[in-house]
Amino acid sequence: MRIFLNDDVRDVEAATLAAALEALGFGGRKIATAVNGRFVAATARPATKLADGDRIEVVAPMQGG
């Protein structure tokens, strides 16, 4: 299926947000996620189903000073 990851088009075979994140190289990283503008907690990612055309936003915390 075709999704948008941070506005970039990606093709994935994953059916859930957790599986898509793993396939896209985000597995195990501390990130914040949203699907179609709605925040998705880390605990909810395995149960969050994806559909063709969904927009996924991934934000990683940054350190700085």
PDB file of N, CA and C in Angstrom:
ATOM      1  N   MET A   1       0.843  -1.174   0.000  1.00  0.00           N
ATOM      2  CA  MET A   1       0.000   0.000   0.000  1.00  0.00           C
ATOM      3  C   MET A   1       0.883   1.231   0.000  1.00  0.00           C
ATOM      4  N   ARG A   2       0.355   2.311  -0.467  1.00  0.00           N
ATOM      5  CA  ARG A   2       1.093   3.579  -0.527  1.00  0.00           C
ATOM      6  C   ARG A   2       0.666   4.451   0.645  1.00  0.00           C
ATOM      7  N   ILE A   3       1.666   4.927   1.402  1.00  0.00           N
ATOM      8  CA  ILE A   3       1.437   5.835   2.514  1.00  0.00           C
ATOM      9  C   ILE A   3       2.308   7.070   2.315  1.00  0.00           C
ATOM     10  N   PHE A   4       2.083   8.054   3.144  1.00  0.00           N
ATOM     11  CA  PHE A   4       2.924   9.245   3.164  1.00  0.00           C
ATOM     12  C   PHE A   4       3.606   9.293   4.524  1.00  0.00           C
ATOM     13  N   LEU A   5       4.923   9.281   4.522  1.00  0.00           N
ATOM     14  CA  LEU A   5       5.699   9.354   5.753  1.00  0.00           C
ATOM     15  C   LEU A   5       6.376  10.714   5.775  1.00  0.00           C
ATOM     16  N   ASN A   6       5.938  11.577   6.688  1.00  0.00           N
ATOM     17  CA  ASN A   6       6.459  12.948   6.757  1.00  0.00           C
ATOM     18  C   ASN A   6       6.432  13.596   5.373  1.00  0.00           C
ATOM     19  N   ASP A   7       5.343  13.406   4.668  1.00  0.00           N
ATOM     20  CA  ASP A   7       5.072  13.974   3.338  1.00  0.00           C
ATOM     21  C   ASP A   7       5.853  13.325   2.192  1.00  0.00           C
ATOM     22  N   ASP A   8       6.598  12.248   2.465  1.00  0.00           N
ATOM     23  CA  ASP A   8       7.277  11.488   1.404  1.00  0.00           C
ATOM     24  C   ASP A   8       6.472  10.234   1.102  1.00  0.00           C
ATOM     25  N   VAL A   9       6.261   9.938  -0.159  1.00  0.00           N
ATOM     26  CA  VAL A   9       5.510   8.746  -0.549  1.00  0.00           C
ATOM     27  C   VAL A   9       6.360   7.507  -0.304  1.00  0.00           C
ATOM     28  N   ARG A  10       5.765   6.507   0.340  1.00  0.00           N
ATOM     29  CA  ARG A  10       6.435   5.235   0.587  1.00  0.00           C
ATOM     30  C   ARG A  10       5.462   4.104   0.294  1.00  0.00           C
ATOM     31  N   ASP A  11       5.992   2.995  -0.176  1.00  0.00           N
ATOM     32  CA  ASP A  11       5.196   1.786  -0.364  1.00  0.00           C
ATOM     33  C   ASP A  11       5.580   0.787   0.715  1.00  0.00           C
ATOM     34  N   VAL A  12       4.587   0.289   1.448  1.00  0.00           N
ATOM     35  CA  VAL A  12       4.825  -0.686   2.516  1.00  0.00           C
ATOM     36  C   VAL A  12       3.817  -1.819   2.403  1.00  0.00           C
ATOM     37  N   GLU A  13       4.198  -2.958   2.929  1.00  0.00           N
ATOM     38  CA  GLU A  13       3.296  -4.120   2.978  1.00  0.00           C
ATOM     39  C   GLU A  13       2.649  -4.264   4.350  1.00  0.00           C
ATOM     40  N   ALA A  14       3.073  -3.454   5.310  1.00  0.00           N
ATOM     41  CA  ALA A  14       2.621  -3.570   6.695  1.00  0.00           C
ATOM     42  C   ALA A  14       1.157  -3.179   6.844  1.00  0.00           C
ATOM     43  N   ALA A  15       0.463  -3.885   7.730  1.00  0.00           N
ATOM     44  CA  ALA A  15      -0.948  -3.605   7.973  1.00  0.00           C
ATOM     45  C   ALA A  15      -1.165  -2.708   9.185  1.00  0.00           C
ATOM     46  N   THR A  16      -0.157  -2.609  10.057  1.00  0.00           N
ATOM     47  CA  THR A  16      -0.289  -1.798  11.268  1.00  0.00           C
ATOM     48  C   THR A  16       0.806  -0.745  11.320  1.00  0.00           C
ATOM     49  N   LEU A  17       0.595   0.247  12.144  1.00  0.00           N
ATOM     50  CA  LEU A  17       1.584   1.303  12.306  1.00  0.00           C
ATOM     51  C   LEU A  17       2.884   0.737  12.857  1.00  0.00           C
ATOM     52  N   ALA A  18       2.814  -0.152  13.829  1.00  0.00           N
ATOM     53  CA  ALA A  18       4.030  -0.732  14.408  1.00  0.00           C
ATOM     54  C   ALA A  18       4.834  -1.480  13.355  1.00  0.00           C
ATOM     55  N   ALA A  19       4.175  -2.264  12.532  1.00  0.00           N
ATOM     56  CA  ALA A  19       4.867  -3.021  11.491  1.00  0.00           C
ATOM     57  C   ALA A  19       5.461  -2.095  10.438  1.00  0.00           C
ATOM     58  N   ALA A  20       4.752  -1.040  10.098  1.00  0.00           N
ATOM     59  CA  ALA A  20       5.270  -0.083   9.116  1.00  0.00           C
ATOM     60  C   ALA A  20       6.500   0.629   9.656  1.00  0.00           C
ATOM     61  N   LEU A  21       6.462   1.031  10.911  1.00  0.00           N
ATOM     62  CA  LEU A  21       7.615   1.698  11.503  1.00  0.00           C
ATOM     63  C   LEU A  21       8.833   0.776  11.525  1.00  0.00           C
ATOM     64  N   GLU A  22       8.614  -0.472  11.832  1.00  0.00           N
ATOM     65  CA  GLU A  22       9.706  -1.458  11.818  1.00  0.00           C
ATOM     66  C   GLU A  22      10.278  -1.580  10.405  1.00  0.00           C
ATOM     67  N   ALA A  23       9.414  -1.715   9.430  1.00  0.00           N
ATOM     68  CA  ALA A  23       9.850  -1.874   8.041  1.00  0.00           C
ATOM     69  C   ALA A  23      10.564  -0.633   7.514  1.00  0.00           C
ATOM     70  N   LEU A  24      10.217   0.522   8.045  1.00  0.00           N
ATOM     71  CA  LEU A  24      10.809   1.773   7.583  1.00  0.00           C
ATOM     72  C   LEU A  24      12.049   2.183   8.374  1.00  0.00           C
ATOM     73  N   GLY A  25      12.484   1.326   9.301  1.00  0.00           N
ATOM     74  CA  GLY A  25      13.725   1.578  10.035  1.00  0.00           C
ATOM     75  C   GLY A  25      13.586   2.324  11.340  1.00  0.00           C
ATOM     76  N   PHE A  26      12.373   2.450  11.851  1.00  0.00           N
ATOM     77  CA  PHE A  26      12.165   3.161  13.109  1.00  0.00           C
ATOM     78  C   PHE A  26      12.008   2.228  14.308  1.00  0.00           C
ATOM     79  N   GLY A  27      12.119   0.927  14.107  1.00  0.00           N
ATOM     80  CA  GLY A  27      11.922  -0.038  15.182  1.00  0.00           C
ATOM     81  C   GLY A  27      12.855   0.208  16.351  1.00  0.00           C
ATOM     82  N   GLY A  28      12.303   0.253  17.553  1.00  0.00           N
ATOM     83  CA  GLY A  28      13.093   0.411  18.763  1.00  0.00           C
ATOM     84  C   GLY A  28      13.518   1.834  19.082  1.00  0.00           C
ATOM     85  N   ARG A  29      13.235   2.783  18.206  1.00  0.00           N
ATOM     86  CA  ARG A  29      13.636   4.174  18.456  1.00  0.00           C
ATOM     87  C   ARG A  29      12.568   4.904  19.249  1.00  0.00           C
ATOM     88  N   LYS A  30      12.988   5.869  20.031  1.00  0.00           N
ATOM     89  CA  LYS A  30      12.065   6.720  20.792  1.00  0.00           C
ATOM     90  C   LYS A  30      11.560   7.807  19.846  1.00  0.00           C
ATOM     91  N   ILE A  31      10.305   7.692  19.462  1.00  0.00           N
ATOM     92  CA  ILE A  31       9.705   8.627  18.519  1.00  0.00           C
ATOM     93  C   ILE A  31       8.272   8.925  18.938  1.00  0.00           C
ATOM     94  N   ALA A  32       7.744   9.994  18.397  1.00  0.00           N
ATOM     95  CA  ALA A  32       6.324  10.312  18.537  1.00  0.00           C
ATOM     96  C   ALA A  32       5.698  10.090  17.164  1.00  0.00           C
ATOM     97  N   THR A  33       4.463   9.590  17.152  1.00  0.00           N
ATOM     98  CA  THR A  33       3.810   9.292  15.878  1.00  0.00           C
ATOM     99  C   THR A  33       2.387   9.839  15.832  1.00  0.00           C
ATOM    100  N   ALA A  34       1.969  10.123  14.606  1.00  0.00           N
ATOM    101  CA  ALA A  34       0.587  10.521  14.350  1.00  0.00           C
ATOM    102  C   ALA A  34       0.174   9.891  13.029  1.00  0.00           C
ATOM    103  N   VAL A  35      -1.088   9.518  12.935  1.00  0.00           N
ATOM    104  CA  VAL A  35      -1.653   9.004  11.693  1.00  0.00           C
ATOM    105  C   VAL A  35      -2.824   9.910  11.332  1.00  0.00           C
ATOM    106  N   ASN A  36      -2.737  10.486  10.146  1.00  0.00           N
ATOM    107  CA  ASN A  36      -3.778  11.404   9.659  1.00  0.00           C
ATOM    108  C   ASN A  36      -4.076  12.515  10.656  1.00  0.00           C
ATOM    109  N   GLY A  37      -2.994  13.039  11.275  1.00  0.00           N
ATOM    110  CA  GLY A  37      -3.129  14.166  12.180  1.00  0.00           C
ATOM    111  C   GLY A  37      -3.507  13.840  13.603  1.00  0.00           C
ATOM    112  N   ARG A  38      -3.678  12.551  13.915  1.00  0.00           N
ATOM    113  CA  ARG A  38      -4.055  12.153  15.276  1.00  0.00           C
ATOM    114  C   ARG A  38      -2.902  11.428  15.931  1.00  0.00           C
ATOM    115  N   PHE A  39      -2.504  11.898  17.124  1.00  0.00           N
ATOM    116  CA  PHE A  39      -1.420  11.293  17.881  1.00  0.00           C
ATOM    117  C   PHE A  39      -1.717   9.826  18.147  1.00  0.00           C
ATOM    118  N   VAL A  40      -0.690   8.984  18.013  1.00  0.00           N
ATOM    119  CA  VAL A  40      -0.816   7.563  18.325  1.00  0.00           C
ATOM    120  C   VAL A  40       0.279   7.212  19.338  1.00  0.00           C
ATOM    121  N   ALA A  41      -0.135   6.833  20.543  1.00  0.00           N
ATOM    122  CA  ALA A  41       0.814   6.450  21.582  1.00  0.00           C
ATOM    123  C   ALA A  41       1.541   5.170  21.187  1.00  0.00           C
ATOM    124  N   ALA A  42       2.736   4.995  21.708  1.00  0.00           N
ATOM    125  CA  ALA A  42       3.544   3.815  21.387  1.00  0.00           C
ATOM    126  C   ALA A  42       2.790   2.527  21.694  1.00  0.00           C
ATOM    127  N   THR A  43       2.045   2.502  22.768  1.00  0.00           N
ATOM    128  CA  THR A  43       1.313   1.291  23.146  1.00  0.00           C
ATOM    129  C   THR A  43       0.169   0.969  22.192  1.00  0.00           C
ATOM    130  N   ALA A  44      -0.300   1.964  21.445  1.00  0.00           N
ATOM    131  CA  ALA A  44      -1.418   1.765  20.520  1.00  0.00           C
ATOM    132  C   ALA A  44      -0.962   1.429  19.103  1.00  0.00           C
ATOM    133  N   ARG A  45       0.318   1.540  18.810  1.00  0.00           N
ATOM    134  CA  ARG A  45       0.803   1.320  17.439  1.00  0.00           C
ATOM    135  C   ARG A  45       0.534  -0.081  16.899  1.00  0.00           C
ATOM    136  N   PRO A  46       0.694  -1.152  17.695  1.00  0.00           N
ATOM    137  CA  PRO A  46       0.416  -2.485  17.148  1.00  0.00           C
ATOM    138  C   PRO A  46      -1.045  -2.690  16.743  1.00  0.00           C
ATOM    139  N   ALA A  47      -1.958  -1.967  17.351  1.00  0.00           N
ATOM    140  CA  ALA A  47      -3.386  -2.117  17.050  1.00  0.00           C
ATOM    141  C   ALA A  47      -3.892  -1.073  16.054  1.00  0.00           C
ATOM    142  N   THR A  48      -3.022  -0.147  15.642  1.00  0.00           N
ATOM    143  CA  THR A  48      -3.430   0.912  14.720  1.00  0.00           C
ATOM    144  C   THR A  48      -3.293   0.428  13.284  1.00  0.00           C
ATOM    145  N   LYS A  49      -4.426   0.151  12.648  1.00  0.00           N
ATOM    146  CA  LYS A  49      -4.450  -0.340  11.268  1.00  0.00           C
ATOM    147  C   LYS A  49      -4.165   0.806  10.306  1.00  0.00           C
ATOM    148  N   LEU A  50      -3.486   0.482   9.227  1.00  0.00           N
ATOM    149  CA  LEU A  50      -3.192   1.466   8.188  1.00  0.00           C
ATOM    150  C   LEU A  50      -4.016   1.181   6.946  1.00  0.00           C
ATOM    151  N   ALA A  51      -4.290   2.230   6.202  1.00  0.00           N
ATOM    152  CA  ALA A  51      -5.014   2.111   4.938  1.00  0.00           C
ATOM    153  C   ALA A  51      -4.233   2.863   3.865  1.00  0.00           C
ATOM    154  N   ASP A  52      -4.469   2.486   2.636  1.00  0.00           N
ATOM    155  CA  ASP A  52      -3.819   3.136   1.511  1.00  0.00           C
ATOM    156  C   ASP A  52      -4.062   4.648   1.575  1.00  0.00           C
ATOM    157  N   GLY A  53      -2.991   5.434   1.455  1.00  0.00           N
ATOM    158  CA  GLY A  53      -3.105   6.880   1.470  1.00  0.00           C
ATOM    159  C   GLY A  53      -2.974   7.529   2.835  1.00  0.00           C
ATOM    160  N   ASP A  54      -2.829   6.724   3.891  1.00  0.00           N
ATOM    161  CA  ASP A  54      -2.676   7.302   5.227  1.00  0.00           C
ATOM    162  C   ASP A  54      -1.429   8.171   5.298  1.00  0.00           C
ATOM    163  N   ARG A  55      -1.512   9.194   6.134  1.00  0.00           N
ATOM    164  CA  ARG A  55      -0.389  10.101   6.354  1.00  0.00           C
ATOM    165  C   ARG A  55       0.167   9.856   7.749  1.00  0.00           C
ATOM    166  N   ILE A  56       1.425   9.422   7.792  1.00  0.00           N
ATOM    167  CA  ILE A  56       2.098   9.126   9.050  1.00  0.00           C
ATOM    168  C   ILE A  56       3.148  10.204   9.294  1.00  0.00           C
ATOM    169  N   GLU A  57       3.117  10.744  10.489  1.00  0.00           N
ATOM    170  CA  GLU A  57       4.137  11.709  10.904  1.00  0.00           C
ATOM    171  C   GLU A  57       4.974  11.055  11.991  1.00  0.00           C
ATOM    172  N   VAL A  58       6.280  11.169  11.852  1.00  0.00           N
ATOM    173  CA  VAL A  58       7.225  10.636  12.829  1.00  0.00           C
ATOM    174  C   VAL A  58       8.131  11.773  13.254  1.00  0.00           C
ATOM    175  N   VAL A  59       8.230  11.978  14.564  1.00  0.00           N
ATOM    176  CA  VAL A  59       9.087  13.021  15.113  1.00  0.00           C
ATOM    177  C   VAL A  59       9.987  12.390  16.160  1.00  0.00           C
ATOM    178  N   ALA A  60      11.288  12.608  16.013  1.00  0.00           N
ATOM    179  CA  ALA A  60      12.259  12.096  16.986  1.00  0.00           C
ATOM    180  C   ALA A  60      12.706  13.241  17.885  1.00  0.00           C
ATOM    181  N   PRO A  61      12.858  12.975  19.194  1.00  0.00           N
ATOM    182  CA  PRO A  61      13.331  14.031  20.089  1.00  0.00           C
ATOM    183  C   PRO A  61      14.759  14.433  19.734  1.00  0.00           C
ATOM    184  N   MET A  62      15.041  15.698  19.915  1.00  0.00           N
ATOM    185  CA  MET A  62      16.382  16.204  19.626  1.00  0.00           C
ATOM    186  C   MET A  62      16.982  16.790  20.900  1.00  0.00           C
ATOM    187  N   GLN A  63      18.279  16.620  21.040  1.00  0.00           N
ATOM    188  CA  GLN A  63      18.995  17.228  22.145  1.00  0.00           C
ATOM    189  C   GLN A  63      19.730  18.450  21.636  1.00  0.00           C
ATOM    190  N   GLY A  64      19.868  19.366  22.487  1.00  0.00           N
ATOM    191  CA  GLY A  64      20.595  20.564  22.086  1.00  0.00           C
ATOM    192  C   GLY A  64      20.685  21.537  23.232  1.00  0.00           C
ATOM    193  N   GLY A  65      21.289  22.594  22.979  1.00  0.00           N
ATOM    194  CA  GLY A  65      21.399  23.512  24.068  1.00  0.00           C
ATOM    195  C   GLY A  65      21.938  24.769  23.586  1.00  0.00           C
TER     196      GLY A  65
END
